[in-house]
Amino acid sequence: MPIRIALNSEIGPLDTVVVHTPGQEMENMTPETAAEVLYDDILSLPLALREHQQLTGVLSKVAQVVEFRTLLAEVLEQDHVRRSLVVELVSLYDCHELRDDLLDLPSEVLARQLIEGTPKLSISLEKFLSPTPYAIPPLPNTFFTRDATMCLNDRVIIGSMAYKARVAEALLLKAMFKHHPDIGSRGFYFDGTENRDSEVTIEGGDLLVIREDLVVIGYSERTSLAGIDQLMRSIASQGPVRNFIVVEIPKTRATIHLDMIFTMVDRDKCVVFPPLITGPHRCRAFHCRFDRGDQASIREYACVLEALSALGVDLEPVPCGGSEQFNQEREQWASGANFFAFGPGQIVGYAHNQHTVEALSKAGFNVAESREVISGQRVIDAGERVVVTIDGAELSRGGGGCRCMTMPLARRELD
């Protein structure tokens, strides 16, 4: 089925979304190697799978859900794509001795192995004594499909990843978007895999699409000012986006991306982490407008909500964690501000963030459990404002929420 790239909001009715069901790559971590792939701990695959199946089960009720590994295997059927991608990866990890063996694998096996990890060949003393059993390491972050790529209007942005542990994800996703015969776009706004400047980093959790001409970008631990400047100029030169709001957020583990403290949930509502969005330590924001060429006019605002209001987007903040700062801090750490909208006012998030769910209920959202929605016992009405809750105690230990685990390709226009 043809897939078109068409995305000009965070909340338009969802048409198509890419996910990656966690696999053996998650089991191929050890406590010693977890930090190398940006984890604080190792996760249980059976628990993570049960939780992830709730997410995909809910989304399958309202949209076309496609698996990344399936798309990757399909694109690897093309010999020139297979060869190019394998050469890039063995060069990245200096394991050229594996090239021919990888090229000989069936496409489905190759796709799985590139994600789950490729065992090393001990052809030198250095490789023999290396503590890792993998030449191409497992990619346990792959289920966070949002981070390495972004869709905006009818084009794609390939991330320039802040850490080498995630560069391979961007290469795999680039191959999918560039060569899959069923994916139609007008090309790339920006390709971060071609970037050789370590100062230029861009990741998808820091880009929120507000409307066709307006995006919000987080200046974070994972997205640099140099990356933001390059990205804004590239997007503005191709249009139709002319307005960018850049939010400067703390460079900490809890706030690696903007969507960990701010997500859109309806036309007039957002979920926020109050200390950094509405409180006394709120993050300043900068409106960058491009009217001519690559020169921006810039205006500073006290916070992102003030900047958005100046551009005609007035949002009521719903507090992650409710009214108490103690609960806000606990639930933000557990991805309590990270919601994914499958329609205006229709969102999915973690059930364990109880105070956040209660705050959404007070703001007019009905609460539904994923099991009821998947079984058909609970039907979501058109226009209903609802938060669907999934179990996520295990998934959230990976450091992300439902927005992180979803890469929307197409949404329908808002009325």
Protein backbone atom coordinates (compact mmCIF):
# COMPACT_ATOMS: atom_id res chain seq x y z
CA MET A 1 0.00 0.00 0.00
CA PRO A 2 1.51 3.37 -1.00
CA ILE A 3 2.57 5.54 1.95
CA ARG A 4 2.66 9.29 1.48
CA ILE A 5 4.55 11.68 3.71
CA ALA A 6 2.06 14.32 4.82
CA LEU A 7 2.45 15.78 8.28
CA ASN A 8 1.75 19.39 9.24
CA SER A 9 0.62 19.09 12.85
CA GLU A 10 1.18 17.14 16.06
CA ILE A 11 -2.50 16.30 16.50
CA GLY A 12 -4.17 15.80 13.11
CA PRO A 13 -6.06 12.50 12.69
CA LEU A 14 -3.43 9.80 12.24
CA ASP A 15 -3.18 7.97 8.91
CA THR A 16 0.14 6.09 9.01
CA VAL A 17 2.71 5.53 11.75
CA VAL A 18 5.98 3.55 11.89
CA VAL A 19 6.84 1.56 15.02
CA HIS A 20 9.48 -0.99 15.91
CA THR A 21 8.47 -3.88 18.13
CA PRO A 22 11.30 -4.54 20.61
CA GLY A 23 13.28 -7.69 19.82
CA GLN A 24 16.40 -9.63 20.71
CA GLU A 25 18.49 -6.45 20.55
CA MET A 26 17.03 -5.60 23.97
CA GLU A 27 18.13 -8.96 25.39
CA ASN A 28 21.62 -8.54 23.94
CA MET A 29 22.51 -5.89 26.51
CA THR A 30 24.33 -6.59 29.76
CA PRO A 31 24.68 -4.34 32.80
CA GLU A 32 28.22 -3.55 31.59
CA THR A 33 27.20 -2.61 28.05
CA ALA A 34 23.96 -0.79 28.91
CA ALA A 35 25.67 2.56 29.39
CA GLU A 36 27.34 2.25 25.97
CA VAL A 37 23.91 2.25 24.33
CA LEU A 38 22.59 5.05 26.57
CA TYR A 39 20.59 2.91 29.00
CA ASP A 40 20.56 3.26 32.78
CA ASP A 41 19.58 -0.40 33.21
CA ILE A 42 18.77 -3.53 31.23
CA LEU A 43 15.12 -4.19 30.34
CA SER A 44 13.03 -7.36 30.31
CA LEU A 45 12.01 -8.16 26.73
CA PRO A 46 8.84 -10.14 27.62
CA LEU A 47 7.56 -7.28 29.78
CA ALA A 48 8.49 -4.63 27.21
CA LEU A 49 6.79 -6.62 24.44
CA ARG A 50 3.51 -6.90 26.35
CA GLU A 51 3.49 -3.15 26.95
CA HIS A 52 4.47 -2.28 23.37
CA GLN A 53 1.71 -4.53 22.01
CA GLN A 54 -0.80 -2.40 23.90
CA LEU A 55 0.50 0.71 22.11
CA THR A 56 0.36 -0.87 18.65
CA GLY A 57 -3.00 -2.45 19.42
CA VAL A 58 -4.54 0.94 20.21
CA LEU A 59 -3.00 2.64 17.18
CA SER A 60 -4.10 -0.19 14.87
CA LYS A 61 -7.69 0.68 15.73
CA VAL A 62 -7.35 4.12 14.19
CA ALA A 63 -4.51 4.07 11.65
CA GLN A 64 -2.17 2.03 9.46
CA VAL A 65 0.66 0.80 11.67
CA VAL A 66 3.77 -0.37 9.82
CA GLU A 67 6.78 -2.15 11.27
CA PHE A 68 10.18 -0.64 10.65
CA ARG A 69 11.89 -4.02 10.38
CA THR A 70 9.42 -5.10 7.69
CA LEU A 71 10.06 -1.97 5.63
CA LEU A 72 13.81 -2.38 6.09
CA ALA A 73 13.74 -6.00 4.92
CA GLU A 74 11.73 -4.99 1.86
CA VAL A 75 14.15 -2.25 0.87
CA LEU A 76 17.12 -4.60 1.36
CA GLU A 77 15.77 -6.69 -1.53
CA GLN A 78 17.33 -4.06 -3.78
CA ASP A 79 20.94 -5.11 -4.36
CA HIS A 80 22.35 -1.60 -4.62
CA VAL A 81 20.68 -0.57 -1.34
CA ARG A 82 21.88 -3.70 0.45
CA ARG A 83 25.47 -3.21 -0.73
CA SER A 84 25.56 0.52 0.03
CA LEU A 85 24.11 0.10 3.53
CA VAL A 86 26.38 -2.80 4.47
CA VAL A 87 29.46 -0.92 3.26
CA GLU A 88 28.44 2.13 5.35
CA LEU A 89 27.96 0.04 8.49
CA VAL A 90 31.16 -2.02 8.25
CA SER A 91 33.03 1.24 7.67
CA LEU A 92 31.35 2.89 10.65
CA TYR A 93 32.36 0.03 12.97
CA ASP A 94 35.63 -0.94 11.23
CA CYS A 95 34.61 -4.52 10.56
CA HIS A 96 35.14 -4.85 6.81
CA GLU A 97 35.81 -8.57 7.28
CA LEU A 98 32.04 -9.07 7.73
CA ARG A 99 30.96 -7.44 4.48
CA ASP A 100 30.65 -10.53 2.27
CA ASP A 101 28.95 -12.63 4.94
CA LEU A 102 26.37 -9.90 5.52
CA LEU A 103 25.73 -9.44 1.82
CA ASP A 104 25.00 -13.15 1.47
CA LEU A 105 22.21 -13.14 4.09
CA PRO A 106 18.53 -13.21 3.04
CA SER A 107 16.94 -9.77 3.37
CA GLU A 108 14.78 -10.59 6.40
CA VAL A 109 17.72 -12.16 8.22
CA LEU A 110 19.98 -9.23 7.36
CA ALA A 111 17.41 -6.69 8.57
CA ARG A 112 17.05 -8.55 11.86
CA GLN A 113 20.78 -8.96 12.35
CA LEU A 114 21.56 -5.29 11.67
CA ILE A 115 19.19 -4.39 14.50
CA GLU A 116 19.89 -7.25 16.93
CA GLY A 117 23.68 -7.17 16.56
CA THR A 118 26.32 -8.85 14.39
CA PRO A 119 28.87 -11.09 16.19
CA LYS A 120 32.51 -10.18 15.73
CA LEU A 121 35.19 -12.16 13.93
CA SER A 122 38.33 -12.27 16.09
CA ILE A 123 40.79 -11.65 13.27
CA SER A 124 43.17 -9.53 15.35
CA LEU A 125 44.39 -9.51 18.93
CA GLU A 126 42.56 -6.23 19.51
CA LYS A 127 39.27 -7.73 18.39
CA PHE A 128 39.94 -11.01 20.19
CA LEU A 129 40.47 -9.19 23.49
CA SER A 130 37.60 -6.72 23.00
CA PRO A 131 35.00 -7.26 25.79
CA THR A 132 32.09 -6.96 23.37
CA PRO A 133 30.96 -10.00 21.37
CA TYR A 134 29.59 -7.75 18.60
CA ALA A 135 31.26 -6.11 15.63
CA ILE A 136 28.08 -4.20 14.76
CA PRO A 137 26.44 -3.64 18.15
CA PRO A 138 22.78 -4.28 18.98
CA LEU A 139 20.46 -1.29 18.57
CA PRO A 140 18.15 -1.46 21.62
CA ASN A 141 17.03 2.15 21.09
CA THR A 142 15.41 1.28 17.76
CA PHE A 143 11.94 1.07 19.30
CA PHE A 144 12.23 4.84 19.87
CA THR A 145 11.53 5.40 16.16
CA ARG A 146 11.01 9.14 16.67
CA ASP A 147 14.60 10.05 17.45
CA ALA A 148 16.52 9.30 14.27
CA THR A 149 14.04 10.68 11.73
CA MET A 150 11.33 13.30 11.48
CA CYS A 151 8.59 14.00 8.94
CA LEU A 152 7.53 17.55 8.19
CA ASN A 153 4.89 18.47 5.62
CA ASP A 154 5.81 16.31 2.59
CA ARG A 155 9.53 15.83 3.34
CA VAL A 156 11.82 13.90 5.68
CA ILE A 157 14.57 14.94 8.09
CA ILE A 158 17.28 12.41 8.90
CA GLY A 159 18.79 13.01 12.33
CA SER A 160 22.39 13.87 13.09
CA MET A 161 22.70 11.76 16.20
CA ALA A 162 24.47 13.05 19.29
CA TYR A 163 26.02 9.66 20.11
CA LYS A 164 27.66 7.06 17.87
CA ALA A 165 25.50 4.38 19.49
CA ARG A 166 22.55 5.71 17.48
CA VAL A 167 24.15 6.58 14.14
CA ALA A 168 23.33 3.16 12.67
CA GLU A 169 19.60 3.75 13.32
CA ALA A 170 19.73 6.90 11.21
CA LEU A 171 21.49 5.03 8.39
CA LEU A 172 18.90 2.25 8.38
CA LEU A 173 15.99 4.68 8.41
CA LYS A 174 17.56 6.80 5.69
CA ALA A 175 17.78 3.74 3.45
CA MET A 176 14.13 2.99 4.12
CA PHE A 177 12.91 6.51 3.34
CA LYS A 178 15.16 7.01 0.32
CA HIS A 179 14.62 3.70 -1.44
CA HIS A 180 11.39 2.03 -0.36
CA PRO A 181 9.16 1.95 -3.45
CA ASP A 182 5.94 2.47 -1.46
CA ILE A 183 7.06 5.57 0.45
CA GLY A 184 6.44 8.81 -1.39
CA SER A 185 7.94 12.13 -0.34
CA ARG A 186 9.52 15.19 -1.92
CA GLY A 187 12.90 14.21 -0.53
CA PHE A 188 14.91 15.31 2.49
CA TYR A 189 14.93 18.70 4.18
CA PHE A 190 18.15 17.60 5.87
CA ASP A 191 20.28 14.46 5.95
CA GLY A 192 22.23 14.25 9.18
CA THR A 193 24.11 11.10 8.12
CA GLU A 194 26.10 13.23 5.68
CA ASN A 195 27.17 15.52 8.50
CA ARG A 196 30.81 15.23 9.51
CA ASP A 197 30.75 18.10 12.00
CA SER A 198 30.48 16.86 15.58
CA GLU A 199 28.99 20.22 16.60
CA VAL A 200 25.90 19.60 14.43
CA THR A 201 23.40 17.34 16.18
CA ILE A 202 19.65 17.02 15.59
CA GLU A 203 17.24 14.46 17.05
CA GLY A 204 13.53 13.96 16.47
CA GLY A 205 12.34 14.31 20.05
CA ASP A 206 13.27 17.96 19.74
CA LEU A 207 11.06 18.81 16.76
CA LEU A 208 7.33 19.43 17.14
CA VAL A 209 5.17 20.33 14.12
CA ILE A 210 2.63 22.93 15.16
CA ARG A 211 1.22 23.87 11.75
CA GLU A 212 2.32 23.97 8.12
CA ASP A 213 4.42 27.12 8.58
CA LEU A 214 5.49 26.70 12.23
CA VAL A 215 7.66 24.22 14.13
CA VAL A 216 9.07 24.20 17.66
CA ILE A 217 12.63 22.93 18.19
CA GLY A 218 14.34 22.06 21.46
CA TYR A 219 17.91 23.20 22.09
CA SER A 220 18.81 20.25 24.28
CA GLU A 221 21.47 17.75 25.29
CA ARG A 222 20.91 15.97 21.96
CA THR A 223 20.21 18.90 19.58
CA SER A 224 22.84 21.63 19.26
CA LEU A 225 22.61 25.27 18.25
CA ALA A 226 24.76 24.56 15.20
CA GLY A 227 22.35 21.78 14.25
CA ILE A 228 19.32 24.00 14.77
CA ASP A 229 20.76 26.80 12.64
CA GLN A 230 21.54 24.38 9.79
CA LEU A 231 18.15 22.73 10.01
CA MET A 232 16.19 25.99 10.09
CA ARG A 233 18.03 27.37 7.07
CA SER A 234 17.53 24.16 5.13
CA ILE A 235 13.81 23.99 5.90
CA ALA A 236 13.19 27.69 5.27
CA SER A 237 14.95 27.56 1.92
CA GLN A 238 12.52 24.85 0.72
CA GLY A 239 9.36 26.10 2.46
CA PRO A 240 6.64 26.40 3.48
CA VAL A 241 7.92 26.73 7.07
CA ARG A 242 9.11 30.25 7.85
CA ASN A 243 8.60 30.39 11.63
CA PHE A 244 10.61 28.47 14.21
CA ILE A 245 10.38 28.65 17.98
CA VAL A 246 13.55 27.40 19.65
CA VAL A 247 13.27 26.41 23.32
CA GLU A 248 16.43 26.27 25.42
CA ILE A 249 16.08 23.36 27.85
CA PRO A 250 18.46 22.00 30.50
CA LYS A 251 21.13 19.61 29.23
CA THR A 252 20.29 16.79 31.65
CA ARG A 253 19.35 13.10 31.47
CA ALA A 254 15.73 13.83 32.46
CA THR A 255 15.27 16.39 29.68
CA ILE A 256 17.19 14.89 26.78
CA HIS A 257 14.51 16.11 24.34
CA LEU A 258 11.85 18.81 24.34
CA ASP A 259 9.04 16.25 24.12
CA MET A 260 9.97 15.05 27.60
CA ILE A 261 8.63 18.32 29.01
CA PHE A 262 6.15 19.56 26.37
CA THR A 263 3.72 17.76 24.02
CA MET A 264 0.64 18.93 22.13
CA VAL A 265 -2.53 17.01 23.01
CA ASP A 266 -5.30 19.10 21.44
CA ARG A 267 -5.85 22.24 19.41
CA ASP A 268 -5.78 24.33 22.58
CA LYS A 269 -4.04 22.10 25.11
CA CYS A 270 -0.58 20.76 25.86
CA VAL A 271 0.93 18.64 28.62
CA VAL A 272 3.90 20.33 30.26
CA PHE A 273 6.41 19.82 33.03
CA PRO A 274 5.54 22.97 35.03
CA PRO A 275 8.94 23.81 36.58
CA LEU A 276 10.47 24.28 33.11
CA ILE A 277 7.49 25.53 31.10
CA THR A 278 5.26 27.64 33.35
CA GLY A 279 7.21 27.94 36.62
CA PRO A 280 9.85 30.37 37.85
CA HIS A 281 12.60 28.38 36.08
CA ARG A 282 10.74 28.23 32.77
CA CYS A 283 12.85 27.85 29.65
CA ARG A 284 13.22 30.90 27.44
CA ALA A 285 12.15 30.68 23.81
CA PHE A 286 13.25 32.41 20.62
CA HIS A 287 11.08 33.09 17.59
CA CYS A 288 13.24 32.84 14.46
CA ARG A 289 11.52 34.05 11.29
CA PHE A 290 12.98 33.68 7.80
CA ASP A 291 11.60 36.11 5.24
CA ARG A 292 14.61 36.49 2.96
CA GLY A 293 17.24 33.90 2.22
CA ASP A 294 19.04 32.39 5.19
CA GLN A 295 18.88 35.43 7.46
CA ALA A 296 16.61 35.18 10.48
CA SER A 297 14.92 37.88 12.50
CA ILE A 298 14.93 36.78 16.14
CA ARG A 299 12.82 37.75 19.13
CA GLU A 300 13.14 36.36 22.66
CA TYR A 301 10.18 35.31 24.83
CA ALA A 302 9.95 34.23 28.46
CA CYS A 303 8.64 30.77 27.55
CA VAL A 304 7.37 28.64 24.69
CA LEU A 305 3.71 29.28 25.53
CA GLU A 306 4.24 33.03 25.29
CA ALA A 307 6.06 32.66 21.97
CA LEU A 308 3.33 30.42 20.54
CA SER A 309 0.63 32.83 21.68
CA ALA A 310 2.35 35.64 19.81
CA LEU A 311 1.97 33.52 16.66
CA GLY A 312 -1.72 32.86 17.23
CA VAL A 313 -1.42 29.50 19.03
CA ASP A 314 -2.94 29.83 22.50
CA LEU A 315 -2.49 26.72 24.63
CA GLU A 316 -3.80 25.76 28.06
CA PRO A 317 -1.09 23.78 29.91
CA VAL A 318 -2.04 20.55 31.66
CA PRO A 319 0.54 19.81 34.38
CA CYS A 320 2.51 16.59 34.21
CA GLY A 321 2.25 15.17 37.73
CA GLY A 322 -0.63 17.41 38.73
CA SER A 323 -0.31 20.36 41.10
CA GLU A 324 2.39 19.06 43.46
CA GLN A 325 6.05 19.53 42.44
CA PHE A 326 7.05 16.26 44.11
CA ASN A 327 4.69 14.32 41.83
CA GLN A 328 5.64 16.44 38.84
CA GLU A 329 9.29 15.51 39.19
CA ARG A 330 8.58 11.81 39.68
CA GLU A 331 6.20 11.52 36.74
CA GLN A 332 8.29 13.62 34.37
CA TRP A 333 11.16 11.21 35.01
CA ALA A 334 8.76 8.40 34.00
CA SER A 335 7.86 10.16 30.70
CA GLY A 336 4.72 11.72 32.14
CA ALA A 337 4.72 14.64 29.70
CA ASN A 338 5.40 12.46 26.64
CA PHE A 339 2.04 11.79 24.94
CA PHE A 340 1.27 10.76 21.38
CA ALA A 341 -1.84 12.17 19.71
CA PHE A 342 -3.72 9.99 17.22
CA GLY A 343 -6.25 12.78 16.71
CA PRO A 344 -7.08 16.19 18.18
CA GLY A 345 -7.77 15.63 21.87
CA GLN A 346 -7.16 11.87 21.48
CA ILE A 347 -3.90 10.70 23.03
CA VAL A 348 -2.08 7.67 24.40
CA GLY A 349 0.29 7.61 27.38
CA TYR A 350 1.49 5.61 30.37
CA ALA A 351 -1.00 4.49 33.02
CA HIS A 352 1.55 4.62 35.84
CA ASN A 353 1.65 8.43 35.66
CA GLN A 354 -1.54 8.61 37.68
CA HIS A 355 -1.38 12.26 38.71
CA THR A 356 -0.91 13.33 35.09
CA VAL A 357 -3.85 11.21 33.96
CA GLU A 358 -5.92 12.75 36.75
CA ALA A 359 -4.92 16.25 35.61
CA LEU A 360 -6.02 15.37 32.06
CA SER A 361 -9.32 14.09 33.41
CA LYS A 362 -9.86 17.41 35.17
CA ALA A 363 -9.06 19.16 31.90
CA GLY A 364 -11.92 17.33 30.17
CA PHE A 365 -10.31 14.14 28.90
CA ASN A 366 -12.14 10.87 29.37
CA VAL A 367 -9.88 8.01 30.49
CA ALA A 368 -9.87 4.66 28.70
CA GLU A 369 -7.73 1.57 29.24
CA SER A 370 -5.92 0.14 26.23
CA ARG A 371 -7.35 -3.34 26.80
CA GLU A 372 -10.89 -2.03 26.47
CA VAL A 373 -10.06 -0.16 23.27
CA ILE A 374 -8.23 -3.10 21.70
CA SER A 375 -11.02 -5.56 22.53
CA GLY A 376 -13.68 -3.24 21.15
CA GLN A 377 -15.45 -2.86 24.49
CA ARG A 378 -14.59 0.84 24.46
CA VAL A 379 -15.23 2.74 21.24
CA ILE A 380 -13.69 6.19 20.90
CA ASP A 381 -16.23 8.57 19.46
CA ALA A 382 -15.33 11.11 16.79
CA GLY A 383 -14.57 14.38 18.53
CA GLU A 384 -14.27 12.74 21.96
CA ARG A 385 -11.46 14.06 24.13
CA VAL A 386 -9.79 10.96 25.57
CA VAL A 387 -6.53 9.66 27.01
CA VAL A 388 -5.90 5.96 26.42
CA THR A 389 -3.55 4.46 29.00
CA ILE A 390 -1.09 1.62 28.39
CA ASP A 391 1.15 -0.21 30.82
CA GLY A 392 4.63 1.24 30.54
CA ALA A 393 6.64 0.61 33.70
CA GLU A 394 9.21 -1.41 31.73
CA LEU A 395 9.26 0.64 28.51
CA SER A 396 9.67 3.91 30.39
CA ARG A 397 12.88 2.60 31.96
CA GLY A 398 14.35 2.90 28.47
CA GLY A 399 13.98 6.66 28.80
CA GLY A 400 10.98 7.56 26.65
CA GLY A 401 7.23 7.55 26.22
CA CYS A 402 4.58 7.00 23.58
CA ARG A 403 5.65 9.94 21.40
CA CYS A 404 9.21 8.61 21.40
CA MET A 405 8.01 5.19 20.22
CA THR A 406 6.02 6.47 17.24
CA MET A 407 7.08 8.04 13.96
CA PRO A 408 3.98 9.39 12.19
CA LEU A 409 4.29 9.59 8.41
CA ALA A 410 0.90 11.03 7.55
CA ARG A 411 -1.91 12.84 9.31
CA ARG A 412 -5.12 14.21 7.85
CA GLU A 413 -5.70 17.94 7.83
CA LEU A 414 -7.32 19.50 10.87
CA ASP A 415 -10.80 20.89 10.29
